[in-house]
């Protein structure tokens, strides 16, 4: 409960919308609203804000949204220590030793 008091609800909601794009593809407003469990009007306002900051792009022909260039700009600044393969290496080595099997990360 303490953690909830230190968060900003609108930011959490916007991030929930962005995380829908982790599975790839394009999303319509109704699909996103259903996925995050929010009213379409709320998701529309969140998408308008994200679009204004280039985190999403709306295709006017289909009214579907996809990730924008701001996501790429942010990801370009990840440090080497943020690389999942670096973070997973100790666990992968432990599994390799425990199972005596080859472990790979693709």
PDB file of N, CA and C in Angstrom:
ATOM      1  N   UNK A   1       0.822  -1.199   0.000  1.00  0.00           N
ATOM      2  CA  UNK A   1       0.000   0.000   0.000  1.00  0.00           C
ATOM      3  C   UNK A   1       0.863   1.259   0.000  1.00  0.00           C
ATOM      4  N   UNK A   2       1.986   1.219   0.700  1.00  0.00           N
ATOM      5  CA  UNK A   2       2.886   2.368   0.765  1.00  0.00           C
ATOM      6  C   UNK A   2       3.398   2.745  -0.623  1.00  0.00           C
ATOM      7  N   UNK A   3       3.697   1.730  -1.454  1.00  0.00           N
ATOM      8  CA  UNK A   3       4.210   1.983  -2.803  1.00  0.00           C
ATOM      9  C   UNK A   3       3.167   2.728  -3.655  1.00  0.00           C
ATOM     10  N   UNK A   4       1.892   2.403  -3.490  1.00  0.00           N
ATOM     11  CA  UNK A   4       0.837   3.053  -4.264  1.00  0.00           C
ATOM     12  C   UNK A   4       0.770   4.546  -3.978  1.00  0.00           C
ATOM     13  N   UNK A   5       1.073   4.954  -2.765  1.00  0.00           N
ATOM     14  CA  UNK A   5       1.005   6.359  -2.389  1.00  0.00           C
ATOM     15  C   UNK A   5       2.096   7.180  -3.060  1.00  0.00           C
ATOM     16  N   UNK A   6       3.170   6.532  -3.475  1.00  0.00           N
ATOM     17  CA  UNK A   6       4.298   7.256  -4.056  1.00  0.00           C
ATOM     18  C   UNK A   6       4.282   7.247  -5.576  1.00  0.00           C
ATOM     19  N   UNK A   7       3.210   6.775  -6.165  1.00  0.00           N
ATOM     20  CA  UNK A   7       3.147   6.732  -7.628  1.00  0.00           C
ATOM     21  C   UNK A   7       2.108   7.734  -8.141  1.00  0.00           C
ATOM     22  N   UNK A   8       2.229   8.039  -9.416  1.00  0.00           N
ATOM     23  CA  UNK A   8       1.299   8.957 -10.072  1.00  0.00           C
ATOM     24  C   UNK A   8       0.406   8.118 -10.983  1.00  0.00           C
ATOM     25  N   UNK A   9      -0.857   8.116 -10.705  1.00  0.00           N
ATOM     26  CA  UNK A   9      -1.804   7.258 -11.404  1.00  0.00           C
ATOM     27  C   UNK A   9      -1.806   7.486 -12.915  1.00  0.00           C
ATOM     28  N   UNK A  10      -1.774   8.731 -13.342  1.00  0.00           N
ATOM     29  CA  UNK A  10      -1.785   9.023 -14.781  1.00  0.00           C
ATOM     30  C   UNK A  10      -0.537   8.479 -15.471  1.00  0.00           C
ATOM     31  N   UNK A  11       0.593   8.555 -14.793  1.00  0.00           N
ATOM     32  CA  UNK A  11       1.831   8.029 -15.379  1.00  0.00           C
ATOM     33  C   UNK A  11       1.740   6.510 -15.476  1.00  0.00           C
ATOM     34  N   UNK A  12       1.240   5.874 -14.436  1.00  0.00           N
ATOM     35  CA  UNK A  12       1.061   4.417 -14.473  1.00  0.00           C
ATOM     36  C   UNK A  12       0.165   4.013 -15.638  1.00  0.00           C
ATOM     37  N   UNK A  13      -0.908   4.746 -15.829  1.00  0.00           N
ATOM     38  CA  UNK A  13      -1.833   4.429 -16.910  1.00  0.00           C
ATOM     39  C   UNK A  13      -1.178   4.618 -18.277  1.00  0.00           C
ATOM     40  N   UNK A  14      -0.437   5.687 -18.444  1.00  0.00           N
ATOM     41  CA  UNK A  14       0.251   5.930 -19.718  1.00  0.00           C
ATOM     42  C   UNK A  14       1.273   4.827 -19.989  1.00  0.00           C
ATOM     43  N   UNK A  15       1.971   4.411 -18.952  1.00  0.00           N
ATOM     44  CA  UNK A  15       2.945   3.331 -19.128  1.00  0.00           C
ATOM     45  C   UNK A  15       2.258   2.006 -19.438  1.00  0.00           C
ATOM     46  N   UNK A  16       1.107   1.762 -18.821  1.00  0.00           N
ATOM     47  CA  UNK A  16       0.338   0.556 -19.151  1.00  0.00           C
ATOM     48  C   UNK A  16      -0.031   0.550 -20.633  1.00  0.00           C
ATOM     49  N   UNK A  17      -0.408   1.700 -21.161  1.00  0.00           N
ATOM     50  CA  UNK A  17      -0.734   1.809 -22.588  1.00  0.00           C
ATOM     51  C   UNK A  17       0.514   1.515 -23.416  1.00  0.00           C
ATOM     52  N   UNK A  18       1.630   2.125 -23.065  1.00  0.00           N
ATOM     53  CA  UNK A  18       2.873   1.886 -23.815  1.00  0.00           C
ATOM     54  C   UNK A  18       3.293   0.416 -23.767  1.00  0.00           C
ATOM     55  N   UNK A  19       3.123  -0.212 -22.623  1.00  0.00           N
ATOM     56  CA  UNK A  19       3.530  -1.609 -22.481  1.00  0.00           C
ATOM     57  C   UNK A  19       2.710  -2.546 -23.359  1.00  0.00           C
ATOM     58  N   UNK A  20       1.545  -2.127 -23.798  1.00  0.00           N
ATOM     59  CA  UNK A  20       0.767  -2.934 -24.734  1.00  0.00           C
ATOM     60  C   UNK A  20       1.549  -3.161 -26.028  1.00  0.00           C
ATOM     61  N   UNK A  21       2.384  -2.212 -26.380  1.00  0.00           N
ATOM     62  CA  UNK A  21       3.147  -2.298 -27.617  1.00  0.00           C
ATOM     63  C   UNK A  21       4.340  -3.240 -27.510  1.00  0.00           C
ATOM     64  N   UNK A  22       4.597  -3.778 -26.321  1.00  0.00           N
ATOM     65  CA  UNK A  22       5.705  -4.713 -26.148  1.00  0.00           C
ATOM     66  C   UNK A  22       5.499  -5.973 -26.984  1.00  0.00           C
ATOM     67  N   UNK A  23       4.257  -6.304 -27.259  1.00  0.00           N
ATOM     68  CA  UNK A  23       3.976  -7.474 -28.089  1.00  0.00           C
ATOM     69  C   UNK A  23       4.014  -7.137 -29.574  1.00  0.00           C
ATOM     70  N   UNK A  24       4.303  -5.870 -29.874  1.00  0.00           N
ATOM     71  CA  UNK A  24       4.444  -5.444 -31.266  1.00  0.00           C
ATOM     72  C   UNK A  24       3.127  -5.052 -31.902  1.00  0.00           C
ATOM     73  N   UNK A  25       3.223  -4.652 -33.139  1.00  0.00           N
ATOM     74  CA  UNK A  25       2.039  -4.348 -33.913  1.00  0.00           C
ATOM     75  C   UNK A  25       1.440  -2.981 -33.662  1.00  0.00           C
ATOM     76  N   UNK A  26       0.279  -2.826 -34.230  1.00  0.00           N
ATOM     77  CA  UNK A  26      -0.474  -1.586 -34.109  1.00  0.00           C
ATOM     78  C   UNK A  26      -1.740  -1.885 -33.324  1.00  0.00           C
ATOM     79  N   UNK A  27      -2.224  -0.872 -32.616  1.00  0.00           N
ATOM     80  CA  UNK A  27      -3.397  -1.041 -31.768  1.00  0.00           C
ATOM     81  C   UNK A  27      -4.399   0.068 -32.031  1.00  0.00           C
ATOM     82  N   UNK A  28      -5.669  -0.290 -32.050  1.00  0.00           N
ATOM     83  CA  UNK A  28      -6.735   0.683 -32.128  1.00  0.00           C
ATOM     84  C   UNK A  28      -7.120   1.147 -30.732  1.00  0.00           C
ATOM     85  N   UNK A  29      -7.813   2.242 -30.661  1.00  0.00           N
ATOM     86  CA  UNK A  29      -8.234   2.817 -29.391  1.00  0.00           C
ATOM     87  C   UNK A  29      -9.061   1.830 -28.566  1.00  0.00           C
ATOM     88  N   UNK A  30     -10.023   1.192 -29.181  1.00  0.00           N
ATOM     89  CA  UNK A  30     -10.893   0.252 -28.469  1.00  0.00           C
ATOM     90  C   UNK A  30     -10.095  -0.931 -27.944  1.00  0.00           C
ATOM     91  N   UNK A  31      -9.167  -1.443 -28.767  1.00  0.00           N
ATOM     92  CA  UNK A  31      -8.319  -2.563 -28.339  1.00  0.00           C
ATOM     93  C   UNK A  31      -7.477  -2.183 -27.128  1.00  0.00           C
ATOM     94  N   UNK A  32      -6.864  -1.005 -27.188  1.00  0.00           N
ATOM     95  CA  UNK A  32      -6.017  -0.558 -26.075  1.00  0.00           C
ATOM     96  C   UNK A  32      -6.838  -0.343 -24.809  1.00  0.00           C
ATOM     97  N   UNK A  33      -7.997   0.277 -24.947  1.00  0.00           N
ATOM     98  CA  UNK A  33      -8.850   0.523 -23.783  1.00  0.00           C
ATOM     99  C   UNK A  33      -9.237  -0.796 -23.124  1.00  0.00           C
ATOM    100  N   UNK A  34      -9.584  -1.779 -23.924  1.00  0.00           N
ATOM    101  CA  UNK A  34      -9.920  -3.087 -23.380  1.00  0.00           C
ATOM    102  C   UNK A  34      -8.743  -3.768 -22.719  1.00  0.00           C
ATOM    103  N   UNK A  35      -7.605  -3.631 -23.336  1.00  0.00           N
ATOM    104  CA  UNK A  35      -6.388  -4.284 -22.812  1.00  0.00           C
ATOM    105  C   UNK A  35      -5.969  -3.709 -21.465  1.00  0.00           C
ATOM    106  N   UNK A  36      -6.062  -2.396 -21.298  1.00  0.00           N
ATOM    107  CA  UNK A  36      -5.622  -1.773 -20.040  1.00  0.00           C
ATOM    108  C   UNK A  36      -6.766  -1.583 -19.047  1.00  0.00           C
ATOM    109  N   UNK A  37      -8.000  -1.854 -19.485  1.00  0.00           N
ATOM    110  CA  UNK A  37      -9.134  -1.754 -18.588  1.00  0.00           C
ATOM    111  C   UNK A  37      -9.537  -0.341 -18.220  1.00  0.00           C
ATOM    112  N   UNK A  38      -9.398   0.566 -19.173  1.00  0.00           N
ATOM    113  CA  UNK A  38      -9.773   1.959 -18.951  1.00  0.00           C
ATOM    114  C   UNK A  38     -10.811   2.377 -19.980  1.00  0.00           C
ATOM    115  N   UNK A  39     -11.524   3.452 -19.690  1.00  0.00           N
ATOM    116  CA  UNK A  39     -12.493   3.995 -20.641  1.00  0.00           C
ATOM    117  C   UNK A  39     -11.769   4.508 -21.882  1.00  0.00           C
ATOM    118  N   UNK A  40     -12.444   4.424 -23.010  1.00  0.00           N
ATOM    119  CA  UNK A  40     -11.854   4.891 -24.261  1.00  0.00           C
ATOM    120  C   UNK A  40     -11.473   6.365 -24.186  1.00  0.00           C
ATOM    121  N   UNK A  41     -12.263   7.175 -23.506  1.00  0.00           N
ATOM    122  CA  UNK A  41     -11.948   8.604 -23.427  1.00  0.00           C
ATOM    123  C   UNK A  41     -10.639   8.837 -22.659  1.00  0.00           C
ATOM    124  N   UNK A  42     -10.408   8.054 -21.632  1.00  0.00           N
ATOM    125  CA  UNK A  42      -9.163   8.161 -20.864  1.00  0.00           C
ATOM    126  C   UNK A  42      -7.976   7.749 -21.714  1.00  0.00           C
ATOM    127  N   UNK A  43      -8.122   6.621 -22.405  1.00  0.00           N
ATOM    128  CA  UNK A  43      -7.040   6.127 -23.258  1.00  0.00           C
ATOM    129  C   UNK A  43      -6.794   7.099 -24.411  1.00  0.00           C
ATOM    130  N   UNK A  44      -7.840   7.693 -24.931  1.00  0.00           N
ATOM    131  CA  UNK A  44      -7.687   8.677 -26.008  1.00  0.00           C
ATOM    132  C   UNK A  44      -6.837   9.856 -25.543  1.00  0.00           C
ATOM    133  N   UNK A  45      -7.108  10.359 -24.335  1.00  0.00           N
ATOM    134  CA  UNK A  45      -6.317  11.481 -23.806  1.00  0.00           C
ATOM    135  C   UNK A  45      -4.862  11.062 -23.560  1.00  0.00           C
ATOM    136  N   UNK A  46      -4.671   9.856 -23.043  1.00  0.00           N
ATOM    137  CA  UNK A  46      -3.301   9.373 -22.832  1.00  0.00           C
ATOM    138  C   UNK A  46      -2.566   9.246 -24.162  1.00  0.00           C
ATOM    139  N   UNK A  47      -3.235   8.698 -25.165  1.00  0.00           N
ATOM    140  CA  UNK A  47      -2.611   8.550 -26.482  1.00  0.00           C
ATOM    141  C   UNK A  47      -2.307   9.904 -27.113  1.00  0.00           C
ATOM    142  N   UNK A  48      -3.184  10.872 -26.922  1.00  0.00           N
ATOM    143  CA  UNK A  48      -2.939  12.214 -27.468  1.00  0.00           C
ATOM    144  C   UNK A  48      -1.674  12.802 -26.848  1.00  0.00           C
ATOM    145  N   UNK A  49      -1.493  12.593 -25.560  1.00  0.00           N
ATOM    146  CA  UNK A  49      -0.288  13.086 -24.881  1.00  0.00           C
ATOM    147  C   UNK A  49       0.946  12.351 -25.372  1.00  0.00           C
ATOM    148  N   UNK A  50       0.851  11.027 -25.474  1.00  0.00           N
ATOM    149  CA  UNK A  50       1.984  10.230 -25.952  1.00  0.00           C
ATOM    150  C   UNK A  50       2.316  10.566 -27.405  1.00  0.00           C
ATOM    151  N   UNK A  51       1.300  10.842 -28.200  1.00  0.00           N
ATOM    152  CA  UNK A  51       1.514  11.224 -29.592  1.00  0.00           C
ATOM    153  C   UNK A  51       2.190  12.597 -29.670  1.00  0.00           C
ATOM    154  N   UNK A  52       1.785  13.502 -28.823  1.00  0.00           N
ATOM    155  CA  UNK A  52       2.371  14.837 -28.787  1.00  0.00           C
ATOM    156  C   UNK A  52       3.869  14.789 -28.470  1.00  0.00           C
ATOM    157  N   UNK A  53       4.270  13.808 -27.684  1.00  0.00           N
ATOM    158  CA  UNK A  53       5.685  13.649 -27.316  1.00  0.00           C
ATOM    159  C   UNK A  53       6.389  12.601 -28.180  1.00  0.00           C
ATOM    160  N   UNK A  54       5.738  12.130 -29.236  1.00  0.00           N
ATOM    161  CA  UNK A  54       6.291  11.187 -30.227  1.00  0.00           C
ATOM    162  C   UNK A  54       6.598   9.806 -29.657  1.00  0.00           C
ATOM    163  N   UNK A  55       5.890   9.419 -28.589  1.00  0.00           N
ATOM    164  CA  UNK A  55       6.044   8.063 -28.071  1.00  0.00           C
ATOM    165  C   UNK A  55       5.153   7.091 -28.833  1.00  0.00           C
ATOM    166  N   UNK A  56       4.091   7.597 -29.427  1.00  0.00           N
ATOM    167  CA  UNK A  56       3.253   6.804 -30.322  1.00  0.00           C
ATOM    168  C   UNK A  56       2.955   7.640 -31.556  1.00  0.00           C
ATOM    169  N   UNK A  57       2.626   6.944 -32.626  1.00  0.00           N
ATOM    170  CA  UNK A  57       2.243   7.575 -33.890  1.00  0.00           C
ATOM    171  C   UNK A  57       0.900   6.984 -34.282  1.00  0.00           C
ATOM    172  N   UNK A  58      -0.024   7.838 -34.681  1.00  0.00           N
ATOM    173  CA  UNK A  58      -1.338   7.382 -35.149  1.00  0.00           C
ATOM    174  C   UNK A  58      -1.353   7.384 -36.662  1.00  0.00           C
ATOM    175  N   UNK A  59      -1.730   6.264 -37.224  1.00  0.00           N
ATOM    176  CA  UNK A  59      -1.895   6.163 -38.666  1.00  0.00           C
ATOM    177  C   UNK A  59      -3.276   6.719 -39.007  1.00  0.00           C
ATOM    178  N   UNK A  60      -3.341   7.879 -39.689  1.00  0.00           N
ATOM    179  CA  UNK A  60      -4.644   8.487 -39.978  1.00  0.00           C
ATOM    180  C   UNK A  60      -5.541   7.618 -40.849  1.00  0.00           C
ATOM    181  N   UNK A  61      -4.954   6.758 -41.642  1.00  0.00           N
ATOM    182  CA  UNK A  61      -5.746   5.903 -42.523  1.00  0.00           C
ATOM    183  C   UNK A  61      -6.479   4.795 -41.791  1.00  0.00           C
ATOM    184  N   UNK A  62      -5.865   4.292 -40.725  1.00  0.00           N
ATOM    185  CA  UNK A  62      -6.465   3.161 -40.003  1.00  0.00           C
ATOM    186  C   UNK A  62      -6.881   3.523 -38.580  1.00  0.00           C
ATOM    187  N   UNK A  63      -6.468   4.705 -38.114  1.00  0.00           N
ATOM    188  CA  UNK A  63      -6.692   5.120 -36.721  1.00  0.00           C
ATOM    189  C   UNK A  63      -6.059   4.152 -35.727  1.00  0.00           C
ATOM    190  N   UNK A  64      -4.999   3.486 -36.140  1.00  0.00           N
ATOM    191  CA  UNK A  64      -4.257   2.603 -35.237  1.00  0.00           C
ATOM    192  C   UNK A  64      -2.975   3.295 -34.813  1.00  0.00           C
ATOM    193  N   UNK A  65      -2.501   2.906 -33.646  1.00  0.00           N
ATOM    194  CA  UNK A  65      -1.300   3.510 -33.066  1.00  0.00           C
ATOM    195  C   UNK A  65      -0.161   2.504 -33.072  1.00  0.00           C
ATOM    196  N   UNK A  66       1.048   3.043 -33.218  1.00  0.00           N
ATOM    197  CA  UNK A  66       2.268   2.233 -33.119  1.00  0.00           C
ATOM    198  C   UNK A  66       3.298   3.053 -32.363  1.00  0.00           C
ATOM    199  N   UNK A  67       4.372   2.412 -31.950  1.00  0.00           N
ATOM    200  CA  UNK A  67       5.412   3.125 -31.218  1.00  0.00           C
ATOM    201  C   UNK A  67       6.047   4.204 -32.076  1.00  0.00           C
ATOM    202  N   UNK A  68       6.428   5.293 -31.437  1.00  0.00           N
ATOM    203  CA  UNK A  68       7.054   6.407 -32.124  1.00  0.00           C
ATOM    204  C   UNK A  68       8.549   6.470 -31.879  1.00  0.00           C
ATOM    205  N   UNK A  69       9.170   7.458 -32.461  1.00  0.00           N
ATOM    206  CA  UNK A  69      10.628   7.585 -32.414  1.00  0.00           C
ATOM    207  C   UNK A  69      11.181   7.895 -31.025  1.00  0.00           C
ATOM    208  N   UNK A  70      10.396   8.477 -30.154  1.00  0.00           N
ATOM    209  CA  UNK A  70      10.903   8.790 -28.811  1.00  0.00           C
ATOM    210  C   UNK A  70      11.303   7.529 -28.057  1.00  0.00           C
ATOM    211  N   UNK A  71      10.619   6.433 -28.321  1.00  0.00           N
ATOM    212  CA  UNK A  71      10.975   5.164 -27.677  1.00  0.00           C
ATOM    213  C   UNK A  71      12.367   4.732 -28.147  1.00  0.00           C
ATOM    214  N   UNK A  72      12.615   4.863 -29.435  1.00  0.00           N
ATOM    215  CA  UNK A  72      13.923   4.511 -29.992  1.00  0.00           C
ATOM    216  C   UNK A  72      15.012   5.426 -29.434  1.00  0.00           C
ATOM    217  N   UNK A  73      14.716   6.709 -29.341  1.00  0.00           N
ATOM    218  CA  UNK A  73      15.692   7.661 -28.794  1.00  0.00           C
ATOM    219  C   UNK A  73      16.067   7.295 -27.360  1.00  0.00           C
ATOM    220  N   UNK A  74      15.083   6.931 -26.557  1.00  0.00           N
ATOM    221  CA  UNK A  74      15.374   6.521 -25.178  1.00  0.00           C
ATOM    222  C   UNK A  74      16.196   5.241 -25.135  1.00  0.00           C
ATOM    223  N   UNK A  75      15.818   4.273 -25.955  1.00  0.00           N
ATOM    224  CA  UNK A  75      16.517   2.986 -25.920  1.00  0.00           C
ATOM    225  C   UNK A  75      17.967   3.117 -26.368  1.00  0.00           C
ATOM    226  N   UNK A  76      18.268   4.109 -27.181  1.00  0.00           N
ATOM    227  CA  UNK A  76      19.646   4.314 -27.640  1.00  0.00           C
ATOM    228  C   UNK A  76      20.571   4.705 -26.490  1.00  0.00           C
ATOM    229  N   UNK A  77      19.975   5.132 -25.385  1.00  0.00           N
ATOM    230  CA  UNK A  77      20.791   5.585 -24.260  1.00  0.00           C
ATOM    231  C   UNK A  77      20.868   4.564 -23.127  1.00  0.00           C
ATOM    232  N   UNK A  78      20.424   3.337 -23.391  1.00  0.00           N
ATOM    233  CA  UNK A  78      20.576   2.287 -22.391  1.00  0.00           C
ATOM    234  C   UNK A  78      22.054   1.983 -22.216  1.00  0.00           C
ATOM    235  N   UNK A  79      22.449   1.744 -21.009  1.00  0.00           N
ATOM    236  CA  UNK A  79      23.859   1.409 -20.773  1.00  0.00           C
ATOM    237  C   UNK A  79      24.068  -0.086 -20.966  1.00  0.00           C
ATOM    238  N   UNK A  80      25.295  -0.482 -21.080  1.00  0.00           N
ATOM    239  CA  UNK A  80      25.635  -1.890 -21.258  1.00  0.00           C
ATOM    240  C   UNK A  80      25.095  -2.730 -20.107  1.00  0.00           C
ATOM    241  N   UNK A  81      25.083  -2.177 -18.915  1.00  0.00           N
ATOM    242  CA  UNK A  81      24.602  -2.926 -17.760  1.00  0.00           C
ATOM    243  C   UNK A  81      23.096  -3.170 -17.838  1.00  0.00           C
ATOM    244  N   UNK A  82      22.390  -2.427 -18.706  1.00  0.00           N
ATOM    245  CA  UNK A  82      20.958  -2.636 -18.883  1.00  0.00           C
ATOM    246  C   UNK A  82      20.654  -3.722 -19.914  1.00  0.00           C
ATOM    247  N   UNK A  83      21.674  -4.214 -20.585  1.00  0.00           N
ATOM    248  CA  UNK A  83      21.501  -5.255 -21.586  1.00  0.00           C
ATOM    249  C   UNK A  83      20.980  -6.520 -20.898  1.00  0.00           C
ATOM    250  N   UNK A  84      19.830  -7.052 -21.337  1.00  0.00           N
ATOM    251  CA  UNK A  84      19.281  -8.242 -20.677  1.00  0.00           C
ATOM    252  C   UNK A  84      20.240  -9.419 -20.648  1.00  0.00           C
ATOM    253  N   UNK A  85      21.047  -9.565 -21.697  1.00  0.00           N
ATOM    254  CA  UNK A  85      21.970 -10.706 -21.705  1.00  0.00           C
ATOM    255  C   UNK A  85      23.012 -10.581 -20.598  1.00  0.00           C
ATOM    256  N   UNK A  86      23.413  -9.370 -20.262  1.00  0.00           N
ATOM    257  CA  UNK A  86      24.360  -9.157 -19.159  1.00  0.00           C
ATOM    258  C   UNK A  86      23.687  -9.473 -17.829  1.00  0.00           C
ATOM    259  N   UNK A  87      22.458  -9.019 -17.677  1.00  0.00           N
ATOM    260  CA  UNK A  87      21.731  -9.256 -16.430  1.00  0.00           C
ATOM    261  C   UNK A  87      21.403 -10.734 -16.242  1.00  0.00           C
ATOM    262  N   UNK A  88      21.149 -11.448 -17.335  1.00  0.00           N
ATOM    263  CA  UNK A  88      20.762 -12.856 -17.248  1.00  0.00           C
ATOM    264  C   UNK A  88      21.939 -13.817 -17.178  1.00  0.00           C
ATOM    265  N   UNK A  89      23.113 -13.365 -17.501  1.00  0.00           N
ATOM    266  CA  UNK A  89      24.272 -14.245 -17.577  1.00  0.00           C
ATOM    267  C   UNK A  89      24.517 -15.063 -16.309  1.00  0.00           C
ATOM    268  N   UNK A  90      24.515 -14.479 -15.123  1.00  0.00           N
ATOM    269  CA  UNK A  90      24.758 -15.294 -13.918  1.00  0.00           C
ATOM    270  C   UNK A  90      23.735 -16.423 -13.747  1.00  0.00           C
ATOM    271  N   UNK A  91      22.476 -16.134 -14.009  1.00  0.00           N
ATOM    272  CA  UNK A  91      21.437 -17.168 -13.883  1.00  0.00           C
ATOM    273  C   UNK A  91      21.594 -18.231 -14.968  1.00  0.00           C
ATOM    274  N   UNK A  92      21.959 -17.799 -16.161  1.00  0.00           N
ATOM    275  CA  UNK A  92      22.187 -18.758 -17.246  1.00  0.00           C
ATOM    276  C   UNK A  92      23.353 -19.683 -16.925  1.00  0.00           C
ATOM    277  N   UNK A  93      24.410 -19.129 -16.360  1.00  0.00           N
ATOM    278  CA  UNK A  93      25.564 -19.953 -15.974  1.00  0.00           C
ATOM    279  C   UNK A  93      25.186 -20.935 -14.865  1.00  0.00           C
ATOM    280  N   UNK A  94      24.367 -20.478 -13.926  1.00  0.00           N
ATOM    281  CA  UNK A  94      23.931 -21.363 -12.844  1.00  0.00           C
ATOM    282  C   UNK A  94      23.114 -22.523 -13.414  1.00  0.00           C
ATOM    283  N   UNK A  95      22.191 -22.222 -14.329  1.00  0.00           N
ATOM    284  CA  UNK A  95      21.394 -23.266 -14.957  1.00  0.00           C
ATOM    285  C   UNK A  95      22.264 -24.228 -15.764  1.00  0.00           C
ATOM    286  N   UNK A  96      23.225 -23.691 -16.496  1.00  0.00           N
ATOM    287  CA  UNK A  96      24.141 -24.525 -17.278  1.00  0.00           C
ATOM    288  C   UNK A  96      24.852 -25.521 -16.387  1.00  0.00           C
ATOM    289  N   UNK A  97      25.369 -25.003 -15.264  1.00  0.00           N
ATOM    290  CA  UNK A  97      26.107 -25.872 -14.348  1.00  0.00           C
ATOM    291  C   UNK A  97      25.192 -26.883 -13.669  1.00  0.00           C
ATOM    292  N   UNK A  98      23.998 -26.463 -13.302  1.00  0.00           N
ATOM    293  CA  UNK A  98      23.057 -27.333 -12.607  1.00  0.00           C
ATOM    294  C   UNK A  98      22.525 -28.433 -13.521  1.00  0.00           C
ATOM    295  N   UNK A  99      22.237 -28.094 -14.775  1.00  0.00           N
ATOM    296  CA  UNK A  99      21.617 -29.038 -15.710  1.00  0.00           C
ATOM    297  C   UNK A  99      22.605 -29.738 -16.633  1.00  0.00           C
ATOM    298  N   UNK A 100      23.838 -29.252 -16.643  1.00  0.00           N
ATOM    299  CA  UNK A 100      24.852 -29.772 -17.567  1.00  0.00           C
ATOM    300  C   UNK A 100      24.334 -29.734 -19.012  1.00  0.00           C
ATOM    301  N   UNK A 101      23.708 -28.621 -19.334  1.00  0.00           N
ATOM    302  CA  UNK A 101      23.161 -28.423 -20.678  1.00  0.00           C
ATOM    303  C   UNK A 101      23.670 -27.094 -21.230  1.00  0.00           C
ATOM    304  N   UNK A 102      23.583 -26.944 -22.536  1.00  0.00           N
ATOM    305  CA  UNK A 102      23.928 -25.696 -23.166  1.00  0.00           C
ATOM    306  C   UNK A 102      22.759 -24.726 -22.983  1.00  0.00           C
ATOM    307  N   UNK A 103      23.065 -23.504 -22.573  1.00  0.00           N
ATOM    308  CA  UNK A 103      22.053 -22.470 -22.364  1.00  0.00           C
ATOM    309  C   UNK A 103      22.378 -21.320 -23.321  1.00  0.00           C
ATOM    310  N   UNK A 104      21.367 -20.848 -24.043  1.00  0.00           N
ATOM    311  CA  UNK A 104      21.596 -19.716 -24.938  1.00  0.00           C
ATOM    312  C   UNK A 104      20.493 -18.692 -24.775  1.00  0.00           C
ATOM    313  N   UNK A 105      20.823 -17.466 -25.074  1.00  0.00           N
ATOM    314  CA  UNK A 105      19.874 -16.367 -25.040  1.00  0.00           C
ATOM    315  C   UNK A 105      19.792 -15.779 -26.424  1.00  0.00           C
ATOM    316  N   UNK A 106      18.592 -15.766 -26.986  1.00  0.00           N
ATOM    317  CA  UNK A 106      18.427 -15.244 -28.348  1.00  0.00           C
ATOM    318  C   UNK A 106      17.627 -13.978 -28.301  1.00  0.00           C
TER     319      UNK A 106
END
